[in-house]
N, C-alpha and C. Protein backbone atom coordinates (compact mmCIF):
# COMPACT_ATOMS: atom_id res chain seq x y z
N MET A 1 78.13 52.21 183.84
CA MET A 1 78.56 51.61 182.60
C MET A 1 79.87 50.86 182.80
N ASP A 2 80.76 51.42 183.59
CA ASP A 2 82.06 50.80 183.83
C ASP A 2 81.89 49.45 184.52
N LYS A 3 80.90 49.36 185.42
CA LYS A 3 80.63 48.10 186.11
C LYS A 3 80.13 47.05 185.11
N ARG A 4 79.31 47.48 184.18
CA ARG A 4 78.77 46.58 183.15
C ARG A 4 79.90 46.04 182.26
N VAL A 5 80.83 46.87 181.89
CA VAL A 5 81.97 46.45 181.08
C VAL A 5 82.82 45.44 181.85
N GLN A 6 83.00 45.71 183.13
CA GLN A 6 83.77 44.79 183.98
C GLN A 6 83.08 43.43 184.07
N GLU A 7 81.75 43.41 184.21
CA GLU A 7 80.99 42.16 184.28
C GLU A 7 81.11 41.39 182.97
N LEU A 8 81.00 42.11 181.85
CA LEU A 8 81.12 41.46 180.55
C LEU A 8 82.51 40.87 180.35
N ALA A 9 83.52 41.59 180.77
CA ALA A 9 84.89 41.10 180.65
C ALA A 9 85.09 39.86 181.52
N THR A 10 84.53 39.88 182.73
CA THR A 10 84.63 38.73 183.62
C THR A 10 83.90 37.53 183.02
N LEU A 11 82.70 37.77 182.48
CA LEU A 11 81.92 36.71 181.85
C LEU A 11 82.66 36.13 180.65
N ASP A 12 83.25 37.00 179.84
CA ASP A 12 84.00 36.55 178.67
C ASP A 12 85.20 35.70 179.09
N CYS A 13 85.87 36.13 180.14
CA CYS A 13 87.01 35.37 180.65
C CYS A 13 86.57 34.01 181.17
N ALA A 14 85.45 33.96 181.87
CA ALA A 14 84.93 32.71 182.40
C ALA A 14 84.55 31.76 181.26
N GLN A 15 83.93 32.31 180.21
CA GLN A 15 83.58 31.49 179.05
C GLN A 15 84.83 30.92 178.39
N PHE A 16 85.84 31.76 178.27
CA PHE A 16 87.10 31.32 177.67
C PHE A 16 87.70 30.17 178.48
N GLN A 17 87.71 30.31 179.81
CA GLN A 17 88.26 29.27 180.68
C GLN A 17 87.45 27.97 180.54
N LEU A 18 86.12 28.11 180.46
CA LEU A 18 85.26 26.94 180.30
C LEU A 18 85.55 26.23 178.98
N GLU A 19 85.73 26.99 177.92
CA GLU A 19 86.06 26.39 176.62
C GLU A 19 87.40 25.66 176.68
N LYS A 20 88.36 26.24 177.39
CA LYS A 20 89.66 25.58 177.54
C LYS A 20 89.51 24.25 178.27
N VAL A 21 88.69 24.25 179.33
CA VAL A 21 88.48 23.02 180.10
C VAL A 21 87.78 21.98 179.23
N ARG A 22 86.76 22.41 178.48
CA ARG A 22 86.06 21.48 177.59
C ARG A 22 87.00 20.93 176.52
N THR A 23 87.81 21.81 175.95
CA THR A 23 88.76 21.39 174.93
C THR A 23 89.75 20.39 175.51
N LYS A 24 90.22 20.67 176.71
CA LYS A 24 91.16 19.77 177.37
C LYS A 24 90.51 18.40 177.61
N ALA A 25 89.26 18.41 178.07
CA ALA A 25 88.54 17.16 178.31
C ALA A 25 88.33 16.41 176.99
N ASP A 26 87.98 17.14 175.94
CA ASP A 26 87.81 16.52 174.63
C ASP A 26 89.12 15.89 174.15
N LEU A 27 90.21 16.60 174.35
CA LEU A 27 91.51 16.08 173.94
C LEU A 27 91.87 14.82 174.72
N LYS A 28 91.60 14.84 176.03
CA LYS A 28 91.89 13.66 176.84
C LYS A 28 91.07 12.47 176.36
N ALA A 29 89.79 12.71 176.06
CA ALA A 29 88.93 11.63 175.56
C ALA A 29 89.44 11.13 174.21
N THR A 30 89.86 12.06 173.36
CA THR A 30 90.38 11.67 172.05
C THR A 30 91.65 10.84 172.20
N PHE A 31 92.56 11.27 173.06
CA PHE A 31 93.79 10.51 173.27
C PHE A 31 93.49 9.14 173.88
N SER A 32 92.50 9.08 174.75
CA SER A 32 92.11 7.81 175.32
C SER A 32 91.59 6.88 174.23
N ASP A 33 90.76 7.44 173.34
CA ASP A 33 90.25 6.65 172.21
C ASP A 33 91.40 6.19 171.31
N LEU A 34 92.36 7.07 171.08
CA LEU A 34 93.51 6.72 170.24
C LEU A 34 94.33 5.61 170.89
N ASP A 35 94.49 5.67 172.20
CA ASP A 35 95.22 4.61 172.90
C ASP A 35 94.51 3.28 172.76
N THR A 36 93.18 3.31 172.87
CA THR A 36 92.39 2.09 172.72
C THR A 36 92.56 1.52 171.32
N VAL A 37 92.45 2.38 170.32
CA VAL A 37 92.61 1.94 168.93
C VAL A 37 94.01 1.39 168.70
N GLN A 38 95.02 2.06 169.25
CA GLN A 38 96.40 1.58 169.09
C GLN A 38 96.57 0.21 169.72
N SER A 39 95.97 0.00 170.88
CA SER A 39 96.05 -1.31 171.53
C SER A 39 95.40 -2.38 170.66
N GLN A 40 94.25 -2.05 170.09
CA GLN A 40 93.57 -3.00 169.21
C GLN A 40 94.41 -3.30 167.98
N LEU A 41 95.04 -2.28 167.42
CA LEU A 41 95.91 -2.49 166.26
C LEU A 41 97.11 -3.36 166.62
N ASP A 42 97.68 -3.14 167.79
CA ASP A 42 98.81 -3.96 168.23
C ASP A 42 98.40 -5.43 168.37
N GLU A 43 97.21 -5.66 168.96
CA GLU A 43 96.72 -7.02 169.12
C GLU A 43 96.48 -7.66 167.75
N GLU A 44 95.88 -6.91 166.84
CA GLU A 44 95.60 -7.42 165.50
C GLU A 44 96.91 -7.73 164.76
N HIS A 45 97.90 -6.87 164.93
CA HIS A 45 99.20 -7.10 164.30
C HIS A 45 99.83 -8.39 164.85
N GLU A 46 99.72 -8.60 166.14
CA GLU A 46 100.26 -9.81 166.76
C GLU A 46 99.56 -11.05 166.21
N ARG A 47 98.22 -10.99 166.10
CA ARG A 47 97.47 -12.13 165.54
C ARG A 47 97.89 -12.39 164.09
N ASN A 48 98.03 -11.31 163.32
CA ASN A 48 98.43 -11.47 161.92
C ASN A 48 99.82 -12.08 161.81
N SER A 49 100.73 -11.66 162.66
CA SER A 49 102.08 -12.21 162.65
C SER A 49 102.06 -13.71 162.94
N LYS A 50 101.26 -14.10 163.93
CA LYS A 50 101.16 -15.52 164.26
C LYS A 50 100.57 -16.31 163.09
N LEU A 51 99.55 -15.74 162.44
CA LEU A 51 98.95 -16.41 161.29
C LEU A 51 99.95 -16.52 160.14
N GLN A 52 100.73 -15.48 159.92
CA GLN A 52 101.74 -15.53 158.86
C GLN A 52 102.79 -16.61 159.17
N ASP A 53 103.16 -16.74 160.42
CA ASP A 53 104.10 -17.79 160.81
C ASP A 53 103.51 -19.17 160.52
N LYS A 54 102.22 -19.35 160.82
CA LYS A 54 101.56 -20.63 160.55
C LYS A 54 101.51 -20.90 159.05
N VAL A 55 101.20 -19.87 158.27
CA VAL A 55 101.15 -20.03 156.81
C VAL A 55 102.52 -20.45 156.28
N ARG A 56 103.56 -19.78 156.74
CA ARG A 56 104.92 -20.14 156.30
C ARG A 56 105.26 -21.59 156.68
N ALA A 57 104.88 -22.00 157.88
CA ALA A 57 105.15 -23.37 158.31
C ALA A 57 104.38 -24.36 157.43
N LEU A 58 103.13 -24.04 157.11
CA LEU A 58 102.35 -24.92 156.24
C LEU A 58 102.93 -24.97 154.84
N GLU A 59 103.36 -23.84 154.32
CA GLU A 59 103.98 -23.82 152.99
C GLU A 59 105.24 -24.68 152.98
N LYS A 60 106.02 -24.59 154.03
CA LYS A 60 107.24 -25.39 154.13
C LYS A 60 106.90 -26.88 154.18
N GLU A 61 105.86 -27.21 154.94
CA GLU A 61 105.43 -28.60 155.04
C GLU A 61 104.93 -29.11 153.69
N ILE A 62 104.20 -28.28 152.96
CA ILE A 62 103.70 -28.66 151.64
C ILE A 62 104.87 -28.91 150.69
N ARG A 63 105.85 -28.01 150.70
CA ARG A 63 107.03 -28.21 149.83
C ARG A 63 107.75 -29.51 150.18
N SER A 64 107.87 -29.78 151.45
CA SER A 64 108.53 -31.00 151.89
C SER A 64 107.76 -32.23 151.41
N MET A 65 106.44 -32.19 151.53
CA MET A 65 105.62 -33.31 151.09
C MET A 65 105.72 -33.50 149.57
N ARG A 66 105.76 -32.41 148.82
CA ARG A 66 105.90 -32.51 147.36
C ARG A 66 107.24 -33.15 147.00
N CYS A 67 108.30 -32.71 147.68
CA CYS A 67 109.62 -33.28 147.41
C CYS A 67 109.63 -34.77 147.73
N GLN A 68 109.04 -35.14 148.85
CA GLN A 68 108.99 -36.56 149.23
C GLN A 68 108.21 -37.36 148.19
N ALA A 69 107.11 -36.79 147.69
CA ALA A 69 106.31 -37.48 146.69
C ALA A 69 107.09 -37.65 145.39
N LEU A 70 107.87 -36.65 145.02
CA LEU A 70 108.65 -36.75 143.79
C LEU A 70 109.79 -37.76 143.92
N LEU A 71 110.35 -37.86 145.10
CA LEU A 71 111.47 -38.78 145.31
C LEU A 71 111.02 -40.22 145.56
N ARG A 72 109.76 -40.40 145.90
CA ARG A 72 109.24 -41.73 146.19
C ARG A 72 108.99 -42.46 144.86
N PRO A 73 109.46 -43.70 144.73
CA PRO A 73 109.21 -44.45 143.49
C PRO A 73 107.71 -44.66 143.30
N SER A 74 107.26 -44.56 142.03
CA SER A 74 105.83 -44.70 141.76
C SER A 74 105.40 -46.15 141.79
N SER A 75 106.32 -47.07 141.51
CA SER A 75 105.98 -48.49 141.59
C SER A 75 107.21 -49.25 142.08
N PRO A 76 107.01 -50.41 142.64
CA PRO A 76 108.16 -51.18 143.14
C PRO A 76 109.15 -51.45 142.01
N GLY A 77 110.41 -51.25 142.30
CA GLY A 77 111.46 -51.51 141.32
C GLY A 77 111.78 -50.32 140.43
N THR A 78 111.04 -49.22 140.56
CA THR A 78 111.30 -48.03 139.74
C THR A 78 112.25 -47.12 140.50
N LEU A 79 113.25 -46.63 139.82
CA LEU A 79 114.19 -45.71 140.45
C LEU A 79 113.57 -44.32 140.59
N PRO A 80 113.98 -43.53 141.57
CA PRO A 80 113.42 -42.18 141.74
C PRO A 80 113.55 -41.32 140.50
N GLU A 81 114.66 -41.45 139.73
CA GLU A 81 114.83 -40.64 138.52
C GLU A 81 113.77 -40.99 137.49
N GLN A 82 113.45 -42.30 137.37
CA GLN A 82 112.44 -42.72 136.42
C GLN A 82 111.05 -42.25 136.85
N ALA A 83 110.80 -42.27 138.14
CA ALA A 83 109.49 -41.85 138.65
C ALA A 83 109.27 -40.37 138.43
N SER A 84 110.33 -39.56 138.53
CA SER A 84 110.14 -38.12 138.37
C SER A 84 110.19 -37.69 136.92
N SER A 85 110.77 -38.52 136.01
CA SER A 85 110.90 -38.09 134.62
C SER A 85 109.81 -38.64 133.73
N GLY A 86 109.12 -39.63 134.13
CA GLY A 86 108.09 -40.20 133.27
C GLY A 86 106.92 -40.69 134.08
N GLY A 87 105.88 -41.09 133.39
CA GLY A 87 104.71 -41.62 134.07
C GLY A 87 103.83 -40.52 134.62
N PRO A 88 102.81 -40.91 135.36
CA PRO A 88 101.83 -39.93 135.86
C PRO A 88 102.42 -38.88 136.78
N SER A 89 103.37 -39.26 137.65
CA SER A 89 103.91 -38.27 138.57
C SER A 89 104.78 -37.25 137.85
N GLY A 90 105.49 -37.65 136.81
CA GLY A 90 106.33 -36.74 136.07
C GLY A 90 105.54 -35.79 135.19
N SER A 91 104.40 -36.24 134.67
CA SER A 91 103.62 -35.39 133.78
C SER A 91 102.84 -34.33 134.53
N SER A 92 102.58 -34.54 135.82
CA SER A 92 101.85 -33.53 136.59
C SER A 92 102.79 -32.56 137.29
N GLN A 93 104.07 -32.71 137.04
CA GLN A 93 105.09 -31.86 137.67
C GLN A 93 105.00 -30.44 137.13
N GLN A 94 105.21 -29.44 138.03
CA GLN A 94 105.13 -28.04 137.58
C GLN A 94 106.48 -27.40 137.57
């Protein structure tokens, strides 16, 4: 009987060690997956930052074009103040 108890204890210990190894392997795989996801997130963040920079540049360009359009006389001989205060360009002003 004592030998049987010893075998069961040894088997239990071996199972425990196997579970530890499996758990360790699972954790390594999980961390590897997390590293992959983090890399993808970093790349996506970089792309988003570049797109935001482009959007800001386009918004700045649009504002500049609007200002130029407002300052440009609507007809020859019209002063910029008259062009921006009256007529079609002044009425569409926001």
